[in-house]
Amino acid sequence: MSAPTLIIGNKNYSSWSLRPWIFLKHYHIDFTEKRVPLFEESTDAALAEYDSDYKVPVLKDGDLIVWDSLSILEYASETYLDHKGWPEDREARSVARSISAEMHSSFANVRNELPMNCRKQFENIALSANAKREVERICSLWRKCRTRFGAGGEWLFGDFSIADAMYAPVALRFSGYSLPLSGIEADYVSSILQHPAIVEWITAGKLETEVIKADEI
């Protein structure tokens, strides 16, 4: 059986692509990577065959096409890890699913005001009141999960989970925009940044030459 193919966007910018990519890497799930630069003249043609509304990431496993980061994470957990991508404890698993869903559907101001950009380090970013509230909400979730469920390891629920994959790009954003962090949230960002797969992703992102002007604030 051949390895699945993960279709991703630019590593410098595509936070949604990073989520399943780091999960597959962390769990040593074999896959082929196909990078499609975004917002290029060739982008839509390159993505048309996947029926994902021209969006990344996409996982192609044989004849099956799975799109949307959270759906890909769920599929990988079910198919390759016997559902171990979520915490084993029922209560922890419920919270992990809740915070992952919140990341998937919320935090629009953080996304807009702090776009992921691995090549740059920003200083003195002035956030809107709504973005500041979202940053504090994210930090409070990290503190809650690490305090309540994270005694078994350095991740939100001890072992690395889908929730960590969902929040990894946020940690990159918080670091890249030099947000003042302390305590549990600072330690968590450090753990994400030191993950070998994240180091690999950032290194590759810095070597890319494409520029998406909207993310070069």
C-alpha atoms as a PDB file:
ATOM      1  CA  MET A   1       0.000   0.000   0.000  1.00  0.00           C
ATOM      2  CA  SER A   2       1.476   3.324  -1.068  1.00  0.00           C
ATOM      3  CA  ALA A   3       1.889   6.223   1.319  1.00  0.00           C
ATOM      4  CA  PRO A   4      -0.717   9.000   1.226  1.00  0.00           C
ATOM      5  CA  THR A   5       0.099  12.365  -0.307  1.00  0.00           C
ATOM      6  CA  LEU A   6      -0.348  15.556   1.700  1.00  0.00           C
ATOM      7  CA  ILE A   7      -0.899  18.588  -0.497  1.00  0.00           C
ATOM      8  CA  ILE A   8       0.175  21.759   1.288  1.00  0.00           C
ATOM      9  CA  GLY A   9       0.680  25.436   0.551  1.00  0.00           C
ATOM     10  CA  ASN A  10       3.687  27.649   1.184  1.00  0.00           C
ATOM     11  CA  LYS A  11       5.451  26.623   4.375  1.00  0.00           C
ATOM     12  CA  ASN A  12       6.203  30.240   5.167  1.00  0.00           C
ATOM     13  CA  TYR A  13       2.547  31.223   5.268  1.00  0.00           C
ATOM     14  CA  SER A  14       0.155  28.257   5.302  1.00  0.00           C
ATOM     15  CA  SER A  15      -0.786  27.667   8.923  1.00  0.00           C
ATOM     16  CA  TRP A  16      -3.580  25.248   7.961  1.00  0.00           C
ATOM     17  CA  SER A  17      -1.094  23.112   6.038  1.00  0.00           C
ATOM     18  CA  LEU A  18       1.229  22.958   9.036  1.00  0.00           C
ATOM     19  CA  ARG A  19      -1.403  21.322  11.235  1.00  0.00           C
ATOM     20  CA  PRO A  20      -1.669  17.891   9.580  1.00  0.00           C
ATOM     21  CA  TRP A  21       1.962  18.035   8.449  1.00  0.00           C
ATOM     22  CA  ILE A  22       3.371  18.246  11.993  1.00  0.00           C
ATOM     23  CA  PHE A  23       0.923  15.582  13.194  1.00  0.00           C
ATOM     24  CA  LEU A  24       2.022  13.103  10.528  1.00  0.00           C
ATOM     25  CA  LYS A  25       5.664  13.929  11.198  1.00  0.00           C
ATOM     26  CA  HIS A  26       5.340  13.603  14.964  1.00  0.00           C
ATOM     27  CA  TYR A  27       3.788  10.164  14.711  1.00  0.00           C
ATOM     28  CA  HIS A  28       6.159   9.012  11.942  1.00  0.00           C
ATOM     29  CA  ILE A  29       3.298   8.351   9.559  1.00  0.00           C
ATOM     30  CA  ASP A  30       4.847   7.924   6.134  1.00  0.00           C
ATOM     31  CA  PHE A  31       3.558  10.372   3.521  1.00  0.00           C
ATOM     32  CA  THR A  32       4.557  12.108   0.323  1.00  0.00           C
ATOM     33  CA  GLU A  33       4.528  15.885   0.382  1.00  0.00           C
ATOM     34  CA  LYS A  34       3.303  18.001  -2.533  1.00  0.00           C
ATOM     35  CA  ARG A  35       3.722  21.755  -2.146  1.00  0.00           C
ATOM     36  CA  VAL A  36       1.484  24.092  -4.148  1.00  0.00           C
ATOM     37  CA  PRO A  37       2.441  27.783  -3.860  1.00  0.00           C
ATOM     38  CA  LEU A  38      -0.659  29.824  -3.074  1.00  0.00           C
ATOM     39  CA  PHE A  39      -2.039  32.873  -4.876  1.00  0.00           C
ATOM     40  CA  GLU A  40      -0.087  32.129  -8.041  1.00  0.00           C
ATOM     41  CA  GLU A  41      -1.505  31.937 -11.564  1.00  0.00           C
ATOM     42  CA  SER A  42      -0.990  28.171 -11.465  1.00  0.00           C
ATOM     43  CA  THR A  43      -2.553  27.566  -8.029  1.00  0.00           C
ATOM     44  CA  ASP A  44      -6.151  26.856  -9.010  1.00  0.00           C
ATOM     45  CA  ALA A  45      -5.140  24.494 -11.801  1.00  0.00           C
ATOM     46  CA  ALA A  46      -2.842  22.594  -9.439  1.00  0.00           C
ATOM     47  CA  LEU A  47      -5.602  22.174  -6.839  1.00  0.00           C
ATOM     48  CA  ALA A  48      -8.576  21.600  -9.154  1.00  0.00           C
ATOM     49  CA  GLU A  49      -8.264  17.801  -9.161  1.00  0.00           C
ATOM     50  CA  TYR A  50      -8.813  17.539  -5.404  1.00  0.00           C
ATOM     51  CA  ASP A  51     -12.322  19.070  -5.245  1.00  0.00           C
ATOM     52  CA  SER A  52     -11.343  21.016  -2.098  1.00  0.00           C
ATOM     53  CA  ASP A  53     -12.627  24.371  -3.361  1.00  0.00           C
ATOM     54  CA  TYR A  54      -9.006  25.172  -4.304  1.00  0.00           C
ATOM     55  CA  LYS A  55      -7.928  25.084  -0.668  1.00  0.00           C
ATOM     56  CA  VAL A  56      -5.093  23.329   1.150  1.00  0.00           C
ATOM     57  CA  PRO A  57      -4.319  21.092   2.896  1.00  0.00           C
ATOM     58  CA  VAL A  58      -5.603  17.978   1.181  1.00  0.00           C
ATOM     59  CA  LEU A  59      -4.749  14.349   1.933  1.00  0.00           C
ATOM     60  CA  LYS A  60      -4.913  11.917  -0.980  1.00  0.00           C
ATOM     61  CA  ASP A  61      -4.891   8.316   0.227  1.00  0.00           C
ATOM     62  CA  GLY A  62      -5.357   6.044  -2.759  1.00  0.00           C
ATOM     63  CA  ASP A  63      -8.628   7.085  -4.382  1.00  0.00           C
ATOM     64  CA  LEU A  64      -9.819   8.854  -1.238  1.00  0.00           C
ATOM     65  CA  ILE A  65      -9.555  12.637  -0.960  1.00  0.00           C
ATOM     66  CA  VAL A  66      -9.793  14.241   2.500  1.00  0.00           C
ATOM     67  CA  TRP A  67      -9.687  18.018   2.832  1.00  0.00           C
ATOM     68  CA  ASP A  68      -9.777  20.481   5.736  1.00  0.00           C
ATOM     69  CA  SER A  69      -7.078  20.324   8.418  1.00  0.00           C
ATOM     70  CA  LEU A  70      -9.234  18.985  11.235  1.00  0.00           C
ATOM     71  CA  SER A  71     -10.793  16.326   9.011  1.00  0.00           C
ATOM     72  CA  ILE A  72      -7.335  15.187   7.895  1.00  0.00           C
ATOM     73  CA  LEU A  73      -6.179  14.996  11.508  1.00  0.00           C
ATOM     74  CA  GLU A  74      -9.209  12.925  12.448  1.00  0.00           C
ATOM     75  CA  TYR A  75      -8.655  10.630   9.472  1.00  0.00           C
ATOM     76  CA  ALA A  76      -4.966  10.132  10.275  1.00  0.00           C
ATOM     77  CA  SER A  77      -5.759   9.392  13.921  1.00  0.00           C
ATOM     78  CA  GLU A  78      -8.427   6.852  12.980  1.00  0.00           C
ATOM     79  CA  THR A  79      -6.553   5.215  10.108  1.00  0.00           C
ATOM     80  CA  TYR A  80      -2.980   5.079  11.359  1.00  0.00           C
ATOM     81  CA  LEU A  81      -3.107   5.478  15.159  1.00  0.00           C
ATOM     82  CA  ASP A  82      -6.225   3.584  16.231  1.00  0.00           C
ATOM     83  CA  HIS A  83      -7.744   6.918  17.379  1.00  0.00           C
ATOM     84  CA  LYS A  84      -4.740   7.731  19.610  1.00  0.00           C
ATOM     85  CA  GLY A  85      -4.523  11.247  18.198  1.00  0.00           C
ATOM     86  CA  TRP A  86      -6.951  12.224  20.946  1.00  0.00           C
ATOM     87  CA  PRO A  87      -6.310  11.757  24.697  1.00  0.00           C
ATOM     88  CA  GLU A  88      -7.381   8.387  26.038  1.00  0.00           C
ATOM     89  CA  ASP A  89      -9.196   9.831  29.072  1.00  0.00           C
ATOM     90  CA  ARG A  90     -12.814  10.687  28.189  1.00  0.00           C
ATOM     91  CA  GLU A  91     -12.859  14.049  29.956  1.00  0.00           C
ATOM     92  CA  ALA A  92      -9.514  15.120  28.511  1.00  0.00           C
ATOM     93  CA  ARG A  93     -10.604  13.947  25.078  1.00  0.00           C
ATOM     94  CA  SER A  94     -13.793  16.004  25.259  1.00  0.00           C
ATOM     95  CA  VAL A  95     -11.870  19.139  26.209  1.00  0.00           C
ATOM     96  CA  ALA A  96      -9.260  18.481  23.507  1.00  0.00           C
ATOM     97  CA  ARG A  97     -12.022  18.237  20.915  1.00  0.00           C
ATOM     98  CA  SER A  98     -13.641  21.415  22.216  1.00  0.00           C
ATOM     99  CA  ILE A  99     -10.502  23.528  22.052  1.00  0.00           C
ATOM    100  CA  SER A 100      -9.610  22.105  18.629  1.00  0.00           C
ATOM    101  CA  ALA A 101     -13.051  22.977  17.300  1.00  0.00           C
ATOM    102  CA  GLU A 102     -12.741  26.456  18.816  1.00  0.00           C
ATOM    103  CA  MET A 103      -9.418  26.927  17.059  1.00  0.00           C
ATOM    104  CA  HIS A 104     -10.993  25.773  13.818  1.00  0.00           C
ATOM    105  CA  SER A 105     -13.915  28.201  13.978  1.00  0.00           C
ATOM    106  CA  SER A 106     -12.734  31.173  16.046  1.00  0.00           C
ATOM    107  CA  PHE A 107      -9.943  33.699  16.586  1.00  0.00           C
ATOM    108  CA  ALA A 108     -10.526  35.607  13.334  1.00  0.00           C
ATOM    109  CA  ASN A 109      -8.784  38.721  14.651  1.00  0.00           C
ATOM    110  CA  VAL A 110      -5.619  36.814  15.554  1.00  0.00           C
ATOM    111  CA  ARG A 111      -5.618  35.258  12.094  1.00  0.00           C
ATOM    112  CA  ASN A 112      -6.040  38.633  10.386  1.00  0.00           C
ATOM    113  CA  GLU A 113      -3.688  40.705  12.536  1.00  0.00           C
ATOM    114  CA  LEU A 114      -0.990  38.063  13.094  1.00  0.00           C
ATOM    115  CA  PRO A 115      -0.680  36.112   9.817  1.00  0.00           C
ATOM    116  CA  MET A 116       1.912  33.349   9.975  1.00  0.00           C
ATOM    117  CA  ASN A 117       5.221  34.359   8.438  1.00  0.00           C
ATOM    118  CA  CYS A 118       8.202  32.164   9.282  1.00  0.00           C
ATOM    119  CA  ARG A 119      10.724  34.455   7.592  1.00  0.00           C
ATOM    120  CA  LYS A 120      10.184  37.515   9.752  1.00  0.00           C
ATOM    121  CA  GLN A 121      10.360  38.577  13.384  1.00  0.00           C
ATOM    122  CA  PHE A 122       7.964  41.410  14.179  1.00  0.00           C
ATOM    123  CA  GLU A 123       8.249  43.803  17.117  1.00  0.00           C
ATOM    124  CA  ASN A 124       5.860  46.215  18.821  1.00  0.00           C
ATOM    125  CA  ILE A 125       2.731  45.012  17.013  1.00  0.00           C
ATOM    126  CA  ALA A 126      -0.333  47.030  18.042  1.00  0.00           C
ATOM    127  CA  LEU A 127      -3.234  44.632  18.387  1.00  0.00           C
ATOM    128  CA  SER A 128      -6.880  45.594  18.385  1.00  0.00           C
ATOM    129  CA  ALA A 129      -8.908  45.089  21.548  1.00  0.00           C
ATOM    130  CA  ASN A 130     -10.617  42.087  19.956  1.00  0.00           C
ATOM    131  CA  ALA A 131      -7.306  40.477  19.016  1.00  0.00           C
ATOM    132  CA  LYS A 132      -5.957  41.030  22.538  1.00  0.00           C
ATOM    133  CA  ARG A 133      -9.036  39.321  23.953  1.00  0.00           C
ATOM    134  CA  GLU A 134      -8.510  36.368  21.626  1.00  0.00           C
ATOM    135  CA  VAL A 135      -4.838  36.094  22.604  1.00  0.00           C
ATOM    136  CA  GLU A 136      -5.821  35.948  26.266  1.00  0.00           C
ATOM    137  CA  ARG A 137      -8.503  33.378  25.496  1.00  0.00           C
ATOM    138  CA  ILE A 138      -5.926  31.153  23.784  1.00  0.00           C
ATOM    139  CA  CYS A 139      -3.473  31.576  26.658  1.00  0.00           C
ATOM    140  CA  SER A 140      -6.191  30.721  29.165  1.00  0.00           C
ATOM    141  CA  LEU A 141      -7.001  27.531  27.239  1.00  0.00           C
ATOM    142  CA  TRP A 142      -3.353  26.520  27.237  1.00  0.00           C
ATOM    143  CA  ARG A 143      -3.055  27.158  30.985  1.00  0.00           C
ATOM    144  CA  LYS A 144      -6.240  25.234  31.718  1.00  0.00           C
ATOM    145  CA  CYS A 145      -5.259  22.203  29.657  1.00  0.00           C
ATOM    146  CA  ARG A 146      -1.660  22.040  30.848  1.00  0.00           C
ATOM    147  CA  THR A 147      -2.691  22.458  34.490  1.00  0.00           C
ATOM    148  CA  ARG A 148      -5.605  20.040  34.412  1.00  0.00           C
ATOM    149  CA  PHE A 149      -4.499  17.407  31.925  1.00  0.00           C
ATOM    150  CA  GLY A 150      -0.842  17.919  31.043  1.00  0.00           C
ATOM    151  CA  ALA A 151       1.037  16.313  33.921  1.00  0.00           C
ATOM    152  CA  GLY A 152       2.194  13.400  31.763  1.00  0.00           C
ATOM    153  CA  GLY A 153       4.300  15.439  29.337  1.00  0.00           C
ATOM    154  CA  GLU A 154       5.045  18.823  27.827  1.00  0.00           C
ATOM    155  CA  TRP A 155       1.987  19.059  25.565  1.00  0.00           C
ATOM    156  CA  LEU A 156      -1.513  20.351  26.253  1.00  0.00           C
ATOM    157  CA  PHE A 157      -2.760  16.927  27.326  1.00  0.00           C
ATOM    158  CA  GLY A 158       0.565  15.342  28.248  1.00  0.00           C
ATOM    159  CA  ASP A 159       1.151  13.404  25.036  1.00  0.00           C
ATOM    160  CA  PHE A 160       1.124  15.188  21.676  1.00  0.00           C
ATOM    161  CA  SER A 161      -2.403  15.251  20.282  1.00  0.00           C
ATOM    162  CA  ILE A 162      -4.581  16.731  17.561  1.00  0.00           C
ATOM    163  CA  ALA A 163      -5.055  19.730  19.854  1.00  0.00           C
ATOM    164  CA  ASP A 164      -1.320  20.469  19.748  1.00  0.00           C
ATOM    165  CA  ALA A 165      -1.328  20.208  15.961  1.00  0.00           C
ATOM    166  CA  MET A 166      -4.208  22.698  15.847  1.00  0.00           C
ATOM    167  CA  TYR A 167      -2.421  25.220  18.074  1.00  0.00           C
ATOM    168  CA  ALA A 168       1.134  24.812  16.740  1.00  0.00           C
ATOM    169  CA  PRO A 169       0.742  27.616  14.149  1.00  0.00           C
ATOM    170  CA  VAL A 170      -0.598  29.887  16.899  1.00  0.00           C
ATOM    171  CA  ALA A 171       2.576  29.310  18.895  1.00  0.00           C
ATOM    172  CA  LEU A 172       4.591  30.299  15.815  1.00  0.00           C
ATOM    173  CA  ARG A 173       2.508  33.447  15.481  1.00  0.00           C
ATOM    174  CA  PHE A 174       2.932  34.403  19.139  1.00  0.00           C
ATOM    175  CA  SER A 175       6.694  33.938  18.848  1.00  0.00           C
ATOM    176  CA  GLY A 176       7.025  35.636  15.454  1.00  0.00           C
ATOM    177  CA  TYR A 177       5.157  38.719  16.646  1.00  0.00           C
ATOM    178  CA  SER A 178       7.072  38.849  19.945  1.00  0.00           C
ATOM    179  CA  LEU A 179       3.981  38.716  22.129  1.00  0.00           C
ATOM    180  CA  PRO A 180       4.862  38.957  25.823  1.00  0.00           C
ATOM    181  CA  LEU A 181       4.265  35.546  27.374  1.00  0.00           C
ATOM    182  CA  SER A 182       5.195  33.988  30.682  1.00  0.00           C
ATOM    183  CA  GLY A 183       4.677  30.835  32.696  1.00  0.00           C
ATOM    184  CA  ILE A 184       2.806  27.933  31.155  1.00  0.00           C
ATOM    185  CA  GLU A 185       2.072  29.627  27.833  1.00  0.00           C
ATOM    186  CA  ALA A 186       5.723  30.658  27.355  1.00  0.00           C
ATOM    187  CA  ASP A 187       6.845  27.106  28.115  1.00  0.00           C
ATOM    188  CA  TYR A 188       4.307  25.710  25.683  1.00  0.00           C
ATOM    189  CA  VAL A 189       5.438  27.987  22.863  1.00  0.00           C
ATOM    190  CA  SER A 190       9.016  26.932  23.584  1.00  0.00           C
ATOM    191  CA  SER A 191       8.056  23.254  23.342  1.00  0.00           C
ATOM    192  CA  ILE A 192       6.397  23.841  19.971  1.00  0.00           C
ATOM    193  CA  LEU A 193       9.358  25.808  18.610  1.00  0.00           C
ATOM    194  CA  GLN A 194      11.826  23.128  19.693  1.00  0.00           C
ATOM    195  CA  HIS A 195       9.878  20.283  18.090  1.00  0.00           C
ATOM    196  CA  PRO A 196      12.137  18.820  15.350  1.00  0.00           C
ATOM    197  CA  ALA A 197       9.330  18.913  12.793  1.00  0.00           C
ATOM    198  CA  ILE A 198       8.664  22.588  13.514  1.00  0.00           C
ATOM    199  CA  VAL A 199      12.364  23.359  13.143  1.00  0.00           C
ATOM    200  CA  GLU A 200      12.279  21.543   9.792  1.00  0.00           C
ATOM    201  CA  TRP A 201       9.148  23.423   8.671  1.00  0.00           C
ATOM    202  CA  ILE A 202      10.497  26.865   9.624  1.00  0.00           C
ATOM    203  CA  THR A 203      13.838  26.181   7.949  1.00  0.00           C
ATOM    204  CA  ALA A 204      12.075  25.221   4.719  1.00  0.00           C
ATOM    205  CA  GLY A 205       9.738  28.211   4.973  1.00  0.00           C
ATOM    206  CA  LYS A 206      12.649  30.609   5.223  1.00  0.00           C
ATOM    207  CA  LEU A 207      14.096  29.211   1.995  1.00  0.00           C
ATOM    208  CA  GLU A 208      10.934  29.849  -0.010  1.00  0.00           C
ATOM    209  CA  THR A 209      10.984  32.805  -2.383  1.00  0.00           C
ATOM    210  CA  GLU A 210       7.266  33.369  -3.004  1.00  0.00           C
ATOM    211  CA  VAL A 211       5.770  36.468  -1.415  1.00  0.00           C
ATOM    212  CA  ILE A 212       2.142  36.855  -0.314  1.00  0.00           C
ATOM    213  CA  LYS A 213       1.881  40.585   0.244  1.00  0.00           C
ATOM    214  CA  ALA A 214      -1.133  40.397   2.537  1.00  0.00           C
ATOM    215  CA  ASP A 215       0.953  38.425   5.057  1.00  0.00           C
ATOM    216  CA  GLU A 216       3.930  40.788   4.944  1.00  0.00           C
ATOM    217  CA  ILE A 217       2.543  43.368   7.369  1.00  0.00           C
END
